[in-house]
Amino acid sequence: MKVQPRLVDAVLDWPPTWFVARLLLVGAYLVGALAKLGDWPGAVAEQAHFGMHPPAFWAATTIAVELVGPALILAGRLVWLGAGMLGVFTVLAACLANPFWAMQGAARFAATNAFFEHLGLAGGFVLAALVAEHARREGRM
């Protein structure tokens, strides 16, 4: 017995939906990488601000992860690897940038929200890897 409307079926069966969903998931990482490439001194300063040493190495590593991970996910090749890269990166960045457990007041509230939003993104990467693997096993990818 089908319970979802035909429109939902049509959207989920529409071939570009999978690509658009992946683009929405990784878009912020691509924009971040391009912004860092366009402002290398700012990217290095950001890493130094978070205590990452040497900051230039970590800025380059961040840019690489923010470019390679989305490229793999969008290409539909080694989605598990791209999703894993971005998932681990996102959880580590959330811990580094949003240590709500060490904050008080409004700052703690904002950091807590940001931290758990980033965990949600990591969950989205797990789901993307699961969907890609399921599609691969069915011969759709």
C-alpha atoms as a PDB file:
ATOM      1  CA  MET A   1       0.000   0.000   0.000  1.00  0.00           C
ATOM      2  CA  LYS A   2       1.442   3.320  -1.123  1.00  0.00           C
ATOM      3  CA  VAL A   3       1.107   6.199   1.296  1.00  0.00           C
ATOM      4  CA  GLN A   4       3.202   8.898  -0.350  1.00  0.00           C
ATOM      5  CA  PRO A   5       1.727  11.194  -2.996  1.00  0.00           C
ATOM      6  CA  ARG A   6       2.569  10.781  -6.678  1.00  0.00           C
ATOM      7  CA  LEU A   7       4.428  14.108  -6.644  1.00  0.00           C
ATOM      8  CA  VAL A   8       6.791  12.786  -3.988  1.00  0.00           C
ATOM      9  CA  ASP A   9       7.354   9.644  -6.062  1.00  0.00           C
ATOM     10  CA  ALA A  10       8.023  11.765  -9.143  1.00  0.00           C
ATOM     11  CA  VAL A  11      10.578  13.957  -7.345  1.00  0.00           C
ATOM     12  CA  LEU A  12      12.352  10.990  -5.764  1.00  0.00           C
ATOM     13  CA  ASP A  13      12.427   9.113  -9.094  1.00  0.00           C
ATOM     14  CA  TRP A  14      13.597  12.152 -11.093  1.00  0.00           C
ATOM     15  CA  PRO A  15      17.241  11.439 -12.024  1.00  0.00           C
ATOM     16  CA  PRO A  16      18.612  14.932 -11.146  1.00  0.00           C
ATOM     17  CA  THR A  17      17.229  14.704  -7.589  1.00  0.00           C
ATOM     18  CA  TRP A  18      20.165  12.582  -6.398  1.00  0.00           C
ATOM     19  CA  PHE A  19      22.709  15.029  -7.845  1.00  0.00           C
ATOM     20  CA  VAL A  20      20.894  18.108  -6.524  1.00  0.00           C
ATOM     21  CA  ALA A  21      20.655  16.569  -3.052  1.00  0.00           C
ATOM     22  CA  ARG A  22      24.394  15.840  -3.055  1.00  0.00           C
ATOM     23  CA  LEU A  23      25.153  19.351  -4.314  1.00  0.00           C
ATOM     24  CA  LEU A  24      23.092  20.856  -1.501  1.00  0.00           C
ATOM     25  CA  LEU A  25      24.948  18.684   1.009  1.00  0.00           C
ATOM     26  CA  VAL A  26      28.443  19.626  -0.184  1.00  0.00           C
ATOM     27  CA  GLY A  27      27.847  23.145  -1.501  1.00  0.00           C
ATOM     28  CA  ALA A  28      29.031  24.951   1.626  1.00  0.00           C
ATOM     29  CA  TYR A  29      32.328  23.037   1.525  1.00  0.00           C
ATOM     30  CA  LEU A  30      32.943  24.011  -2.102  1.00  0.00           C
ATOM     31  CA  VAL A  31      32.158  27.655  -1.363  1.00  0.00           C
ATOM     32  CA  GLY A  32      34.429  27.511   1.687  1.00  0.00           C
ATOM     33  CA  ALA A  33      37.303  26.068  -0.340  1.00  0.00           C
ATOM     34  CA  LEU A  34      36.936  28.707  -3.040  1.00  0.00           C
ATOM     35  CA  ALA A  35      36.788  31.481  -0.439  1.00  0.00           C
ATOM     36  CA  LYS A  36      39.965  30.150   1.200  1.00  0.00           C
ATOM     37  CA  LEU A  37      41.710  29.890  -2.172  1.00  0.00           C
ATOM     38  CA  GLY A  38      40.693  33.483  -2.905  1.00  0.00           C
ATOM     39  CA  ASP A  39      42.021  34.690   0.449  1.00  0.00           C
ATOM     40  CA  TRP A  40      44.998  32.515   1.318  1.00  0.00           C
ATOM     41  CA  PRO A  41      46.252  34.841   4.095  1.00  0.00           C
ATOM     42  CA  GLY A  42      42.764  34.750   5.636  1.00  0.00           C
ATOM     43  CA  ALA A  43      42.687  30.942   5.414  1.00  0.00           C
ATOM     44  CA  VAL A  44      46.043  30.710   7.183  1.00  0.00           C
ATOM     45  CA  ALA A  45      44.923  33.234   9.814  1.00  0.00           C
ATOM     46  CA  GLU A  46      41.765  31.205  10.435  1.00  0.00           C
ATOM     47  CA  GLN A  47      43.822  28.095  11.173  1.00  0.00           C
ATOM     48  CA  ALA A  48      46.129  30.065  13.468  1.00  0.00           C
ATOM     49  CA  HIS A  49      43.066  31.455  15.283  1.00  0.00           C
ATOM     50  CA  PHE A  50      41.995  27.907  16.099  1.00  0.00           C
ATOM     51  CA  GLY A  51      45.472  26.962  17.301  1.00  0.00           C
ATOM     52  CA  MET A  52      46.370  24.763  14.335  1.00  0.00           C
ATOM     53  CA  HIS A  53      50.128  24.637  13.707  1.00  0.00           C
ATOM     54  CA  PRO A  54      51.591  25.003  11.212  1.00  0.00           C
ATOM     55  CA  PRO A  55      48.616  27.040  10.001  1.00  0.00           C
ATOM     56  CA  ALA A  56      49.568  27.022   6.303  1.00  0.00           C
ATOM     57  CA  PHE A  57      49.648  23.210   6.298  1.00  0.00           C
ATOM     58  CA  TRP A  58      46.219  23.021   7.923  1.00  0.00           C
ATOM     59  CA  ALA A  59      44.791  25.665   5.573  1.00  0.00           C
ATOM     60  CA  ALA A  60      46.001  23.645   2.567  1.00  0.00           C
ATOM     61  CA  THR A  61      44.673  20.408   4.078  1.00  0.00           C
ATOM     62  CA  THR A  62      41.292  22.011   4.741  1.00  0.00           C
ATOM     63  CA  ILE A  63      41.071  23.279   1.171  1.00  0.00           C
ATOM     64  CA  ALA A  64      42.012  19.854  -0.186  1.00  0.00           C
ATOM     65  CA  VAL A  65      39.346  18.105   1.907  1.00  0.00           C
ATOM     66  CA  GLU A  66      36.750  20.735   0.961  1.00  0.00           C
ATOM     67  CA  LEU A  67      37.494  20.182  -2.745  1.00  0.00           C
ATOM     68  CA  VAL A  68      38.218  16.445  -2.996  1.00  0.00           C
ATOM     69  CA  GLY A  69      35.396  15.257  -0.722  1.00  0.00           C
ATOM     70  CA  PRO A  70      32.657  17.073  -2.657  1.00  0.00           C
ATOM     71  CA  ALA A  71      34.194  16.099  -6.002  1.00  0.00           C
ATOM     72  CA  LEU A  72      33.993  12.405  -5.105  1.00  0.00           C
ATOM     73  CA  ILE A  73      30.437  12.732  -3.811  1.00  0.00           C
ATOM     74  CA  LEU A  74      29.227  14.709  -6.820  1.00  0.00           C
ATOM     75  CA  ALA A  75      30.949  12.384  -9.285  1.00  0.00           C
ATOM     76  CA  GLY A  76      29.258   9.418  -7.648  1.00  0.00           C
ATOM     77  CA  ARG A  77      32.630   7.655  -7.397  1.00  0.00           C
ATOM     78  CA  LEU A  78      34.044   6.540  -4.068  1.00  0.00           C
ATOM     79  CA  VAL A  79      31.172   8.358  -2.374  1.00  0.00           C
ATOM     80  CA  TRP A  80      32.018   6.523   0.856  1.00  0.00           C
ATOM     81  CA  LEU A  81      35.505   8.084   0.805  1.00  0.00           C
ATOM     82  CA  GLY A  82      34.321  11.616   0.071  1.00  0.00           C
ATOM     83  CA  ALA A  83      31.564  11.317   2.661  1.00  0.00           C
ATOM     84  CA  GLY A  84      34.013   9.907   5.183  1.00  0.00           C
ATOM     85  CA  MET A  85      36.489  12.726   4.567  1.00  0.00           C
ATOM     86  CA  LEU A  86      33.839  15.400   5.005  1.00  0.00           C
ATOM     87  CA  GLY A  87      32.161  13.650   7.928  1.00  0.00           C
ATOM     88  CA  VAL A  88      35.369  13.322   9.939  1.00  0.00           C
ATOM     89  CA  PHE A  89      36.431  16.851   8.983  1.00  0.00           C
ATOM     90  CA  THR A  90      33.053  18.231  10.043  1.00  0.00           C
ATOM     91  CA  VAL A  91      33.052  16.511  13.437  1.00  0.00           C
ATOM     92  CA  LEU A  92      36.630  17.604  14.151  1.00  0.00           C
ATOM     93  CA  ALA A  93      35.880  21.169  13.060  1.00  0.00           C
ATOM     94  CA  ALA A  94      32.733  21.225  15.206  1.00  0.00           C
ATOM     95  CA  CYS A  95      34.747  20.186  18.258  1.00  0.00           C
ATOM     96  CA  LEU A  96      37.458  22.745  17.538  1.00  0.00           C
ATOM     97  CA  ALA A  97      35.253  25.693  16.586  1.00  0.00           C
ATOM     98  CA  ASN A  98      32.258  25.110  18.875  1.00  0.00           C
ATOM     99  CA  PRO A  99      33.467  23.928  22.313  1.00  0.00           C
ATOM    100  CA  PHE A 100      30.119  24.708  23.948  1.00  0.00           C
ATOM    101  CA  TRP A 101      31.084  22.627  26.988  1.00  0.00           C
ATOM    102  CA  ALA A 102      33.641  25.321  27.903  1.00  0.00           C
ATOM    103  CA  MET A 103      31.315  28.309  27.386  1.00  0.00           C
ATOM    104  CA  GLN A 104      28.636  30.198  29.282  1.00  0.00           C
ATOM    105  CA  GLY A 105      25.533  32.206  28.420  1.00  0.00           C
ATOM    106  CA  ALA A 106      24.620  33.253  24.882  1.00  0.00           C
ATOM    107  CA  ALA A 107      27.949  32.049  23.475  1.00  0.00           C
ATOM    108  CA  ARG A 108      27.246  28.563  24.830  1.00  0.00           C
ATOM    109  CA  PHE A 109      23.760  28.574  23.310  1.00  0.00           C
ATOM    110  CA  ALA A 110      25.058  29.557  19.847  1.00  0.00           C
ATOM    111  CA  ALA A 111      27.975  27.118  19.986  1.00  0.00           C
ATOM    112  CA  THR A 112      25.712  24.267  21.093  1.00  0.00           C
ATOM    113  CA  ASN A 113      23.396  24.863  18.141  1.00  0.00           C
ATOM    114  CA  ALA A 114      26.288  25.073  15.688  1.00  0.00           C
ATOM    115  CA  PHE A 115      27.913  21.943  17.139  1.00  0.00           C
ATOM    116  CA  PHE A 116      24.797  19.813  16.757  1.00  0.00           C
ATOM    117  CA  GLU A 117      24.047  21.223  13.304  1.00  0.00           C
ATOM    118  CA  HIS A 118      27.496  20.029  12.260  1.00  0.00           C
ATOM    119  CA  LEU A 119      26.795  16.591  13.730  1.00  0.00           C
ATOM    120  CA  GLY A 120      23.642  16.554  11.595  1.00  0.00           C
ATOM    121  CA  LEU A 121      25.757  17.263   8.516  1.00  0.00           C
ATOM    122  CA  ALA A 122      28.018  14.350   9.443  1.00  0.00           C
ATOM    123  CA  GLY A 123      24.895  12.177   9.608  1.00  0.00           C
ATOM    124  CA  GLY A 124      23.953  13.425   6.156  1.00  0.00           C
ATOM    125  CA  PHE A 125      27.294  12.207   4.838  1.00  0.00           C
ATOM    126  CA  VAL A 126      26.658   8.771   6.320  1.00  0.00           C
ATOM    127  CA  LEU A 127      23.265   8.723   4.594  1.00  0.00           C
ATOM    128  CA  ALA A 128      24.805   9.790   1.274  1.00  0.00           C
ATOM    129  CA  ALA A 129      27.307   6.931   1.516  1.00  0.00           C
ATOM    130  CA  LEU A 130      24.526   4.474   2.374  1.00  0.00           C
ATOM    131  CA  VAL A 131      22.332   5.586  -0.532  1.00  0.00           C
ATOM    132  CA  ALA A 132      25.269   5.440  -2.958  1.00  0.00           C
ATOM    133  CA  GLU A 133      26.244   1.953  -1.794  1.00  0.00           C
ATOM    134  CA  HIS A 134      22.648   0.740  -2.056  1.00  0.00           C
ATOM    135  CA  ALA A 135      22.395   2.170  -5.588  1.00  0.00           C
ATOM    136  CA  ARG A 136      25.726   0.567  -6.524  1.00  0.00           C
ATOM    137  CA  ARG A 137      24.563  -2.827  -5.295  1.00  0.00           C
ATOM    138  CA  GLU A 138      21.397  -2.492  -7.361  1.00  0.00           C
ATOM    139  CA  GLY A 139      23.411  -1.527 -10.431  1.00  0.00           C
ATOM    140  CA  ARG A 140      22.022   2.012 -10.601  1.00  0.00           C
ATOM    141  CA  MET A 141      25.450   3.630 -10.088  1.00  0.00           C
END
